[in-house]
PDB file of N, CA and C in Angstrom:
ATOM      1  N   LEU A   1       0.786  -1.109  -0.103  1.00  0.00           N
ATOM      2  CA  LEU A   1      -0.077  -0.012   0.039  1.00  0.00           C
ATOM      3  C   LEU A   1       0.782   1.260   0.027  1.00  0.00           C
ATOM      4  N   GLY A   2       0.338   2.254  -0.593  1.00  0.00           N
ATOM      5  CA  GLY A   2       1.052   3.606  -0.684  1.00  0.00           C
ATOM      6  C   GLY A   2       0.025   4.645  -0.516  1.00  0.00           C
ATOM      7  N   TYR A   3       0.501   5.682  -0.163  1.00  0.00           N
ATOM      8  CA  TYR A   3      -0.238   6.957   0.029  1.00  0.00           C
ATOM      9  C   TYR A   3       0.005   7.906  -0.973  1.00  0.00           C
ATOM     10  N   LYS A   4      -1.166   8.875  -1.345  1.00  0.00           N
ATOM     11  CA  LYS A   4      -0.738   9.825  -2.311  1.00  0.00           C
ATOM     12  C   LYS A   4      -1.793  10.952  -1.708  1.00  0.00           C
ATOM     13  N   GLU A   5      -1.203  11.957  -1.532  1.00  0.00           N
ATOM     14  CA  GLU A   5      -1.696  13.266  -1.084  1.00  0.00           C
ATOM     15  C   GLU A   5      -1.719  14.158  -2.352  1.00  0.00           C
ATOM     16  N   GLY A   6      -1.216  13.983  -3.430  1.00  0.00           N
ATOM     17  CA  GLY A   6      -1.073  15.026  -4.485  1.00  0.00           C
ATOM     18  C   GLY A   6      -0.739  14.129  -5.752  1.00  0.00           C
ATOM     19  N   LYS A   7      -0.969  14.551  -6.868  1.00  0.00           N
ATOM     20  CA  LYS A   7      -0.353  13.996  -8.070  1.00  0.00           C
ATOM     21  C   LYS A   7       1.196  14.045  -8.157  1.00  0.00           C
ATOM     22  N   ALA A   8       1.850  14.888  -7.626  1.00  0.00           N
ATOM     23  CA  ALA A   8       3.345  14.974  -7.567  1.00  0.00           C
ATOM     24  C   ALA A   8       3.843  14.193  -6.403  1.00  0.00           C
ATOM     25  N   GLU A   9       3.322  13.920  -5.605  1.00  0.00           N
ATOM     26  CA  GLU A   9       3.670  13.370  -4.226  1.00  0.00           C
ATOM     27  C   GLU A   9       3.985  11.932  -4.375  1.00  0.00           C
ATOM     28  N   PRO A  10       5.236  11.260  -4.365  1.00  0.00           N
ATOM     29  CA  PRO A  10       5.557  10.002  -4.644  1.00  0.00           C
ATOM     30  C   PRO A  10       4.890   9.048  -3.631  1.00  0.00           C
ATOM     31  N   TYR A  11       4.907   7.757  -4.018  1.00  0.00           N
ATOM     32  CA  TYR A  11       4.207   6.776  -2.837  1.00  0.00           C
ATOM     33  C   TYR A  11       5.255   6.625  -1.722  1.00  0.00           C
ATOM     34  N   ALA A  12       4.854   6.441  -0.665  1.00  0.00           N
ATOM     35  CA  ALA A  12       5.299   5.882   0.436  1.00  0.00           C
ATOM     36  C   ALA A  12       5.287   4.289   0.466  1.00  0.00           C
ATOM     37  N   GLY A  13       6.244   3.484   0.892  1.00  0.00           N
ATOM     38  CA  GLY A  13       6.003   2.264   0.700  1.00  0.00           C
ATOM     39  C   GLY A  13       5.705   1.563   2.135  1.00  0.00           C
ATOM     40  N   ALA A  14       4.609   0.972   2.256  1.00  0.00           N
ATOM     41  CA  ALA A  14       4.499   0.002   3.399  1.00  0.00           C
ATOM     42  C   ALA A  14       3.906  -1.326   2.697  1.00  0.00           C
ATOM     43  N   ASN A  15       4.444  -2.620   3.093  1.00  0.00           N
ATOM     44  CA  ASN A  15       4.062  -3.693   2.479  1.00  0.00           C
ATOM     45  C   ASN A  15       3.908  -4.789   3.235  1.00  0.00           C
ATOM     46  N   ALA A  16       3.285  -5.719   2.767  1.00  0.00           N
ATOM     47  CA  ALA A  16       3.168  -7.234   3.586  1.00  0.00           C
ATOM     48  C   ALA A  16       3.317  -8.110   2.409  1.00  0.00           C
ATOM     49  N   THR A  17       3.961  -9.332   2.823  1.00  0.00           N
ATOM     50  CA  THR A  17       4.264 -10.253   2.068  1.00  0.00           C
ATOM     51  C   THR A  17       3.844 -11.751   2.669  1.00  0.00           C
ATOM     52  N   GLY A  18       3.213 -12.636   1.850  1.00  0.00           N
ATOM     53  CA  GLY A  18       2.778 -13.812   2.264  1.00  0.00           C
ATOM     54  C   GLY A  18       3.491 -14.824   1.290  1.00  0.00           C
ATOM     55  N   ARG A  19       3.993 -15.968   2.113  1.00  0.00           N
ATOM     56  CA  ARG A  19       4.785 -16.903   1.512  1.00  0.00           C
ATOM     57  C   ARG A  19       4.187 -18.337   1.781  1.00  0.00           C
ATOM     58  N   TYR A  20       4.412 -19.059   0.795  1.00  0.00           N
ATOM     59  CA  TYR A  20       3.934 -20.358   1.072  1.00  0.00           C
ATOM     60  C   TYR A  20       2.328 -20.795   1.441  1.00  0.00           C
ATOM     61  N   ILE A  21       1.627 -20.025   0.618  1.00  0.00           N
ATOM     62  CA  ILE A  21       0.164 -20.187   0.634  1.00  0.00           C
ATOM     63  C   ILE A  21      -0.331 -21.194  -0.448  1.00  0.00           C
ATOM     64  N   PRO A  22      -0.932 -22.031   0.318  1.00  0.00           N
ATOM     65  CA  PRO A  22      -1.383 -23.319  -0.835  1.00  0.00           C
ATOM     66  C   PRO A  22      -2.443 -22.891  -1.779  1.00  0.00           C
ATOM     67  N   MET A  23      -2.124 -22.217  -2.909  1.00  0.00           N
ATOM     68  CA  MET A  23      -2.900 -21.783  -3.822  1.00  0.00           C
ATOM     69  C   MET A  23      -2.349 -21.502  -5.274  1.00  0.00           C
ATOM     70  N   PHE A  24      -2.936 -21.809  -6.244  1.00  0.00           N
ATOM     71  CA  PHE A  24      -2.489 -21.532  -7.665  1.00  0.00           C
ATOM     72  C   PHE A  24      -2.271 -20.031  -7.890  1.00  0.00           C
ATOM     73  N   ALA A  25      -1.478 -19.394  -8.502  1.00  0.00           N
ATOM     74  CA  ALA A  25      -1.562 -17.917  -8.706  1.00  0.00           C
ATOM     75  C   ALA A  25      -2.631 -17.473  -9.828  1.00  0.00           C
ATOM     76  N   ASN A  26      -3.160 -18.480 -10.601  1.00  0.00           N
ATOM     77  CA  ASN A  26      -4.124 -17.880 -11.601  1.00  0.00           C
ATOM     78  C   ASN A  26      -5.539 -17.943 -10.877  1.00  0.00           C
ATOM     79  N   LYS A  27      -5.594 -18.672  -9.538  1.00  0.00           N
ATOM     80  CA  LYS A  27      -6.760 -18.317  -8.951  1.00  0.00           C
ATOM     81  C   LYS A  27      -6.985 -16.989  -8.212  1.00  0.00           C
ATOM     82  N   ALA A  28      -5.890 -16.313  -8.225  1.00  0.00           N
ATOM     83  CA  ALA A  28      -5.782 -15.114  -7.344  1.00  0.00           C
ATOM     84  C   ALA A  28      -5.953 -13.951  -8.365  1.00  0.00           C
ATOM     85  N   GLN A  29      -7.174 -14.227  -9.253  1.00  0.00           N
ATOM     86  CA  GLN A  29      -7.235 -13.220 -10.218  1.00  0.00           C
ATOM     87  C   GLN A  29      -7.959 -11.694  -9.671  1.00  0.00           C
ATOM     88  N   VAL A  30      -8.369 -11.899  -8.521  1.00  0.00           N
ATOM     89  CA  VAL A  30      -8.725 -10.634  -7.825  1.00  0.00           C
ATOM     90  C   VAL A  30      -7.677  -9.624  -7.657  1.00  0.00           C
ATOM     91  N   ILE A  31      -6.666  -9.967  -8.061  1.00  0.00           N
ATOM     92  CA  ILE A  31      -5.367  -9.015  -7.627  1.00  0.00           C
ATOM     93  C   ILE A  31      -5.480  -7.909  -8.619  1.00  0.00           C
ATOM     94  N   ASP A  32      -5.826  -8.085  -9.953  1.00  0.00           N
ATOM     95  CA  ASP A  32      -5.891  -7.210 -10.951  1.00  0.00           C
ATOM     96  C   ASP A  32      -6.959  -6.216 -10.596  1.00  0.00           C
ATOM     97  N   GLN A  33      -7.926  -6.643  -9.999  1.00  0.00           N
ATOM     98  CA  GLN A  33      -9.067  -5.728  -9.623  1.00  0.00           C
ATOM     99  C   GLN A  33      -8.903  -4.776  -8.647  1.00  0.00           C
ATOM    100  N   ILE A  34      -7.880  -4.835  -7.868  1.00  0.00           N
ATOM    101  CA  ILE A  34      -7.607  -3.867  -6.499  1.00  0.00           C
ATOM    102  C   ILE A  34      -6.401  -2.950  -6.687  1.00  0.00           C
ATOM    103  N   HIS A  35      -5.791  -3.075  -7.915  1.00  0.00           N
ATOM    104  CA  HIS A  35      -4.760  -2.304  -8.199  1.00  0.00           C
ATOM    105  C   HIS A  35      -5.064  -0.864  -8.351  1.00  0.00           C
ATOM    106  N   GLU A  36      -4.468   0.128  -7.744  1.00  0.00           N
ATOM    107  CA  GLU A  36      -4.649   1.556  -7.911  1.00  0.00           C
ATOM    108  C   GLU A  36      -5.905   1.880  -7.350  1.00  0.00           C
ATOM    109  N   HIS A  37      -6.622   1.184  -6.358  1.00  0.00           N
ATOM    110  CA  HIS A  37      -7.764   1.516  -5.609  1.00  0.00           C
ATOM    111  C   HIS A  37      -7.505   2.042  -4.034  1.00  0.00           C
ATOM    112  N   SER A  38      -8.456   2.833  -3.562  1.00  0.00           N
ATOM    113  CA  SER A  38      -7.955   3.150  -2.356  1.00  0.00           C
ATOM    114  C   SER A  38      -8.217   2.344  -1.483  1.00  0.00           C
ATOM    115  N   TYR A  39      -7.916   2.304   0.066  1.00  0.00           N
ATOM    116  CA  TYR A  39      -8.087   1.323   1.171  1.00  0.00           C
ATOM    117  C   TYR A  39      -9.489   0.867   1.256  1.00  0.00           C
ATOM    118  N   GLU A  40     -10.350   1.748   1.259  1.00  0.00           N
ATOM    119  CA  GLU A  40     -11.771   1.443   1.484  1.00  0.00           C
ATOM    120  C   GLU A  40     -12.260   0.654   0.352  1.00  0.00           C
ATOM    121  N   GLU A  41     -11.930   1.179  -0.836  1.00  0.00           N
ATOM    122  CA  GLU A  41     -12.731   0.594  -2.221  1.00  0.00           C
ATOM    123  C   GLU A  41     -11.949  -0.940  -2.162  1.00  0.00           C
ATOM    124  N   THR A  42     -10.888  -1.249  -1.675  1.00  0.00           N
ATOM    125  CA  THR A  42     -10.196  -2.379  -1.754  1.00  0.00           C
ATOM    126  C   THR A  42     -10.704  -3.331  -0.889  1.00  0.00           C
ATOM    127  N   LEU A  43     -11.259  -2.867   0.513  1.00  0.00           N
ATOM    128  CA  LEU A  43     -11.869  -3.662   1.282  1.00  0.00           C
ATOM    129  C   LEU A  43     -13.286  -4.107   0.732  1.00  0.00           C
ATOM    130  N   MET A  44     -13.819  -2.992   0.252  1.00  0.00           N
ATOM    131  CA  MET A  44     -15.495  -3.637  -0.409  1.00  0.00           C
ATOM    132  C   MET A  44     -15.050  -4.504  -1.415  1.00  0.00           C
ATOM    133  N   ILE A  45     -14.155  -4.581  -2.534  1.00  0.00           N
ATOM    134  CA  ILE A  45     -14.113  -5.479  -3.328  1.00  0.00           C
ATOM    135  C   ILE A  45     -13.575  -6.840  -2.808  1.00  0.00           C
ATOM    136  N   LEU A  46     -12.668  -6.830  -2.045  1.00  0.00           N
ATOM    137  CA  LEU A  46     -12.305  -8.144  -1.520  1.00  0.00           C
ATOM    138  C   LEU A  46     -13.341  -8.797  -0.546  1.00  0.00           C
ATOM    139  N   GLU A  47     -14.288  -8.134   0.033  1.00  0.00           N
ATOM    140  CA  GLU A  47     -15.242  -8.637   1.115  1.00  0.00           C
ATOM    141  C   GLU A  47     -16.519  -9.103   0.178  1.00  0.00           C
ATOM    142  N   LEU A  48     -16.792  -8.443  -1.021  1.00  0.00           N
ATOM    143  CA  LEU A  48     -17.887  -8.548  -1.742  1.00  0.00           C
ATOM    144  C   LEU A  48     -17.641  -9.722  -3.014  1.00  0.00           C
ATOM    145  N   THR A  49     -16.526 -10.125  -3.299  1.00  0.00           N
ATOM    146  CA  THR A  49     -16.079 -10.639  -4.368  1.00  0.00           C
ATOM    147  C   THR A  49     -15.923 -12.199  -3.966  1.00  0.00           C
ATOM    148  N   PRO A  50     -16.804 -13.181  -4.528  1.00  0.00           N
ATOM    149  CA  PRO A  50     -16.812 -14.485  -4.004  1.00  0.00           C
ATOM    150  C   PRO A  50     -15.519 -15.422  -4.489  1.00  0.00           C
ATOM    151  N   TYR A  51     -14.541 -14.948  -4.611  1.00  0.00           N
ATOM    152  CA  TYR A  51     -13.337 -15.879  -4.959  1.00  0.00           C
ATOM    153  C   TYR A  51     -12.655 -16.354  -3.572  1.00  0.00           C
ATOM    154  N   GLU A  52     -12.075 -17.685  -3.819  1.00  0.00           N
ATOM    155  CA  GLU A  52     -11.384 -18.228  -2.703  1.00  0.00           C
ATOM    156  C   GLU A  52      -9.921 -17.276  -2.408  1.00  0.00           C
ATOM    157  N   ALA A  53      -9.442 -16.793  -3.231  1.00  0.00           N
ATOM    158  CA  ALA A  53      -8.384 -16.064  -2.743  1.00  0.00           C
ATOM    159  C   ALA A  53      -8.602 -14.801  -2.139  1.00  0.00           C
ATOM    160  N   CYS A  54      -9.825 -14.329  -1.747  1.00  0.00           N
ATOM    161  CA  CYS A  54      -9.977 -13.044  -1.289  1.00  0.00           C
ATOM    162  C   CYS A  54      -9.434 -13.116   0.114  1.00  0.00           C
ATOM    163  N   ASP A  55      -9.634 -14.096   1.020  1.00  0.00           N
ATOM    164  CA  ASP A  55      -9.245 -14.174   2.279  1.00  0.00           C
ATOM    165  C   ASP A  55      -7.869 -13.876   2.365  1.00  0.00           C
ATOM    166  N   PRO A  56      -6.924 -14.703   1.770  1.00  0.00           N
ATOM    167  CA  PRO A  56      -5.672 -14.402   2.261  1.00  0.00           C
ATOM    168  C   PRO A  56      -5.090 -12.995   1.586  1.00  0.00           C
ATOM    169  N   ILE A  57      -5.621 -12.514   0.680  1.00  0.00           N
ATOM    170  CA  ILE A  57      -5.421 -11.304   0.059  1.00  0.00           C
ATOM    171  C   ILE A  57      -5.767 -10.075   0.937  1.00  0.00           C
ATOM    172  N   LEU A  58      -7.098 -10.374   1.417  1.00  0.00           N
ATOM    173  CA  LEU A  58      -7.627  -9.360   2.355  1.00  0.00           C
ATOM    174  C   LEU A  58      -6.748  -9.283   3.843  1.00  0.00           C
ATOM    175  N   LYS A  59      -6.219 -10.534   4.296  1.00  0.00           N
ATOM    176  CA  LYS A  59      -5.247 -10.451   5.510  1.00  0.00           C
ATOM    177  C   LYS A  59      -4.067  -9.674   4.999  1.00  0.00           C
ATOM    178  N   PHE A  60      -3.478  -9.608   3.848  1.00  0.00           N
ATOM    179  CA  PHE A  60      -2.470  -8.938   3.503  1.00  0.00           C
ATOM    180  C   PHE A  60      -2.751  -7.488   3.458  1.00  0.00           C
ATOM    181  N   VAL A  61      -3.876  -7.060   2.959  1.00  0.00           N
ATOM    182  CA  VAL A  61      -4.058  -5.837   2.902  1.00  0.00           C
ATOM    183  C   VAL A  61      -4.252  -5.081   4.251  1.00  0.00           C
ATOM    184  N   TYR A  62      -4.950  -5.911   5.405  1.00  0.00           N
ATOM    185  CA  TYR A  62      -4.916  -5.298   6.718  1.00  0.00           C
ATOM    186  C   TYR A  62      -3.590  -5.316   7.344  1.00  0.00           C
ATOM    187  N   SER A  63      -2.786  -6.344   6.884  1.00  0.00           N
ATOM    188  CA  SER A  63      -1.356  -6.488   7.469  1.00  0.00           C
ATOM    189  C   SER A  63      -0.490  -5.106   6.694  1.00  0.00           C
ATOM    190  N   ALA A  64      -0.679  -4.867   5.613  1.00  0.00           N
ATOM    191  CA  ALA A  64       0.238  -3.657   4.971  1.00  0.00           C
ATOM    192  C   ALA A  64      -0.503  -2.503   5.512  1.00  0.00           C
ATOM    193  N   THR A  65      -1.733  -2.370   5.825  1.00  0.00           N
ATOM    194  CA  THR A  65      -2.271  -1.092   6.610  1.00  0.00           C
ATOM    195  C   THR A  65      -1.786  -0.910   7.994  1.00  0.00           C
ATOM    196  N   ALA A  66      -1.820  -1.968   8.695  1.00  0.00           N
ATOM    197  CA  ALA A  66      -1.165  -1.939   9.843  1.00  0.00           C
ATOM    198  C   ALA A  66       0.218  -1.253  10.066  1.00  0.00           C
ATOM    199  N   ASN A  67       0.840  -2.079   9.144  1.00  0.00           N
ATOM    200  CA  ASN A  67       2.212  -1.435   8.971  1.00  0.00           C
ATOM    201  C   ASN A  67       2.349  -0.083   8.428  1.00  0.00           C
ATOM    202  N   ALA A  68       1.739   0.434   7.768  1.00  0.00           N
ATOM    203  CA  ALA A  68       1.530   1.907   7.350  1.00  0.00           C
ATOM    204  C   ALA A  68       1.222   2.733   8.666  1.00  0.00           C
ATOM    205  N   SER A  69       0.199   2.273   9.117  1.00  0.00           N
ATOM    206  CA  SER A  69      -0.143   3.176  10.301  1.00  0.00           C
ATOM    207  C   SER A  69       0.844   3.189  11.631  1.00  0.00           C
ATOM    208  N   ASN A  70       1.361   2.095  11.850  1.00  0.00           N
ATOM    209  CA  ASN A  70       2.145   1.966  12.892  1.00  0.00           C
ATOM    210  C   ASN A  70       3.509   2.398  12.894  1.00  0.00           C
ATOM    211  N   ASN A  71       4.103   2.013  11.702  1.00  0.00           N
ATOM    212  CA  ASN A  71       5.599   2.190  11.208  1.00  0.00           C
ATOM    213  C   ASN A  71       5.686   3.619  10.683  1.00  0.00           C
ATOM    214  N   MET A  72       4.560   4.187   9.854  1.00  0.00           N
ATOM    215  CA  MET A  72       4.984   5.470   9.018  1.00  0.00           C
ATOM    216  C   MET A  72       4.010   6.106   9.644  1.00  0.00           C
ATOM    217  N   SER A  73       3.189   6.197  10.515  1.00  0.00           N
ATOM    218  CA  SER A  73       2.197   7.042  11.060  1.00  0.00           C
ATOM    219  C   SER A  73       1.390   7.829  10.040  1.00  0.00           C
ATOM    220  N   LEU A  74       0.697   6.786   8.781  1.00  0.00           N
ATOM    221  CA  LEU A  74       0.062   7.264   7.847  1.00  0.00           C
ATOM    222  C   LEU A  74      -1.414   6.985   8.240  1.00  0.00           C
ATOM    223  N   ASN A  75      -2.184   7.836   7.538  1.00  0.00           N
ATOM    224  CA  ASN A  75      -3.612   7.717   7.710  1.00  0.00           C
ATOM    225  C   ASN A  75      -4.304   6.630   6.938  1.00  0.00           C
ATOM    226  N   GLU A  76      -5.233   5.783   7.318  1.00  0.00           N
ATOM    227  CA  GLU A  76      -5.900   4.781   6.441  1.00  0.00           C
ATOM    228  C   GLU A  76      -6.689   5.339   5.444  1.00  0.00           C
ATOM    229  N   ALA A  77      -7.144   6.544   5.476  1.00  0.00           N
ATOM    230  CA  ALA A  77      -8.029   7.002   4.197  1.00  0.00           C
ATOM    231  C   ALA A  77      -7.122   7.616   3.247  1.00  0.00           C
ATOM    232  N   SER A  78      -5.834   7.790   3.451  1.00  0.00           N
ATOM    233  CA  SER A  78      -4.994   8.284   2.408  1.00  0.00           C
ATOM    234  C   SER A  78      -4.271   7.176   1.530  1.00  0.00           C
ATOM    235  N   LEU A  79      -4.523   5.865   2.076  1.00  0.00           N
ATOM    236  CA  LEU A  79      -3.720   4.699   1.557  1.00  0.00           C
ATOM    237  C   LEU A  79      -4.305   4.408   0.279  1.00  0.00           C
ATOM    238  N   VAL A  80      -3.598   4.115  -0.935  1.00  0.00           N
ATOM    239  CA  VAL A  80      -3.837   3.489  -2.113  1.00  0.00           C
ATOM    240  C   VAL A  80      -3.002   2.290  -2.238  1.00  0.00           C
ATOM    241  N   VAL A  81      -3.587   1.286  -3.061  1.00  0.00           N
ATOM    242  CA  VAL A  81      -2.689   0.002  -3.401  1.00  0.00           C
ATOM    243  C   VAL A  81      -2.017   0.237  -4.822  1.00  0.00           C
ATOM    244  N   SER A  82      -0.752   0.579  -4.381  1.00  0.00           N
ATOM    245  CA  SER A  82       0.183   1.039  -5.687  1.00  0.00           C
ATOM    246  C   SER A  82       0.748  -0.054  -6.286  1.00  0.00           C
ATOM    247  N   LYS A  83       0.906  -1.269  -5.551  1.00  0.00           N
ATOM    248  CA  LYS A  83       1.600  -2.387  -6.122  1.00  0.00           C
ATOM    249  C   LYS A  83       0.933  -3.703  -5.679  1.00  0.00           C
ATOM    250  N   ALA A  84       0.589  -4.794  -6.459  1.00  0.00           N
ATOM    251  CA  ALA A  84      -0.010  -5.871  -5.873  1.00  0.00           C
ATOM    252  C   ALA A  84       0.353  -7.043  -7.151  1.00  0.00           C
ATOM    253  N   GLU A  85       1.128  -8.192  -6.406  1.00  0.00           N
ATOM    254  CA  GLU A  85       1.617  -9.178  -7.489  1.00  0.00           C
ATOM    255  C   GLU A  85       1.302 -10.481  -6.699  1.00  0.00           C
ATOM    256  N   VAL A  86       1.199 -11.439  -7.491  1.00  0.00           N
ATOM    257  CA  VAL A  86       0.899 -12.869  -7.080  1.00  0.00           C
ATOM    258  C   VAL A  86       1.993 -13.643  -7.991  1.00  0.00           C
ATOM    259  N   ASN A  87       2.914 -14.432  -7.396  1.00  0.00           N
ATOM    260  CA  ASN A  87       3.853 -15.246  -8.001  1.00  0.00           C
ATOM    261  C   ASN A  87       3.576 -16.952  -7.628  1.00  0.00           C
ATOM    262  N   GLU A  88       3.970 -17.731  -8.638  1.00  0.00           N
ATOM    263  CA  GLU A  88       3.930 -19.067  -8.264  1.00  0.00           C
ATOM    264  C   GLU A  88       4.971 -19.354  -7.143  1.00  0.00           C
ATOM    265  N   GLY A  89       4.537 -20.393  -6.318  1.00  0.00           N
ATOM    266  CA  GLY A  89       5.583 -20.674  -5.298  1.00  0.00           C
ATOM    267  C   GLY A  89       6.094 -21.967  -5.546  1.00  0.00           C
ATOM    268  N   PRO A  90       6.662 -22.709  -4.592  1.00  0.00           N
ATOM    269  CA  PRO A  90       7.067 -24.128  -4.764  1.00  0.00           C
ATOM    270  C   PRO A  90       5.963 -25.142  -4.978  1.00  0.00           C
ATOM    271  N   THR A  91       5.930 -26.008  -5.811  1.00  0.00           N
ATOM    272  CA  THR A  91       5.039 -27.048  -5.810  1.00  0.00           C
ATOM    273  C   THR A  91       5.335 -28.137  -5.070  1.00  0.00           C
ATOM    274  N   ARG A  92       4.301 -28.891  -4.710  1.00  0.00           N
ATOM    275  CA  ARG A  92       4.247 -30.034  -3.932  1.00  0.00           C
ATOM    276  C   ARG A  92       4.536 -31.202  -4.668  1.00  0.00           C
ATOM    277  N   LYS A  93       5.139 -32.243  -4.422  1.00  0.00           N
ATOM    278  CA  LYS A  93       5.350 -33.583  -5.039  1.00  0.00           C
ATOM    279  C   LYS A  93       4.275 -34.542  -4.595  1.00  0.00           C
ATOM    280  N   LYS A  94       3.397 -35.072  -5.508  1.00  0.00           N
ATOM    281  CA  LYS A  94       2.484 -35.930  -5.311  1.00  0.00           C
ATOM    282  C   LYS A  94       3.085 -37.370  -5.481  1.00  0.00           C
ATOM    283  N   ASN A  95       2.851 -38.105  -4.243  1.00  0.00           N
ATOM    284  CA  ASN A  95       3.124 -39.373  -4.373  1.00  0.00           C
ATOM    285  C   ASN A  95       2.225 -40.510  -4.997  1.00  0.00           C
TER     286      ASN A  95
END
């Protein structure tokens, strides 16, 4: 998450990383919908979209928001999702 007070203002970085989540990256298609939305709009999108991937992504948004408010003293109303990406993790071997 980043914040933006004006168009010339650069984003400040607050992030959250999730690793080893047992889900395929193509199932996290909701990640494209939350890019460049405000914090409130992102919460509405993730809570009202019926995808399985919304729950872990919602946890990461909450975590990044907590990082921004505690570590950088930013207001939640000014936060914007500036970058969101999902990558493939390691695959399990089937016996």
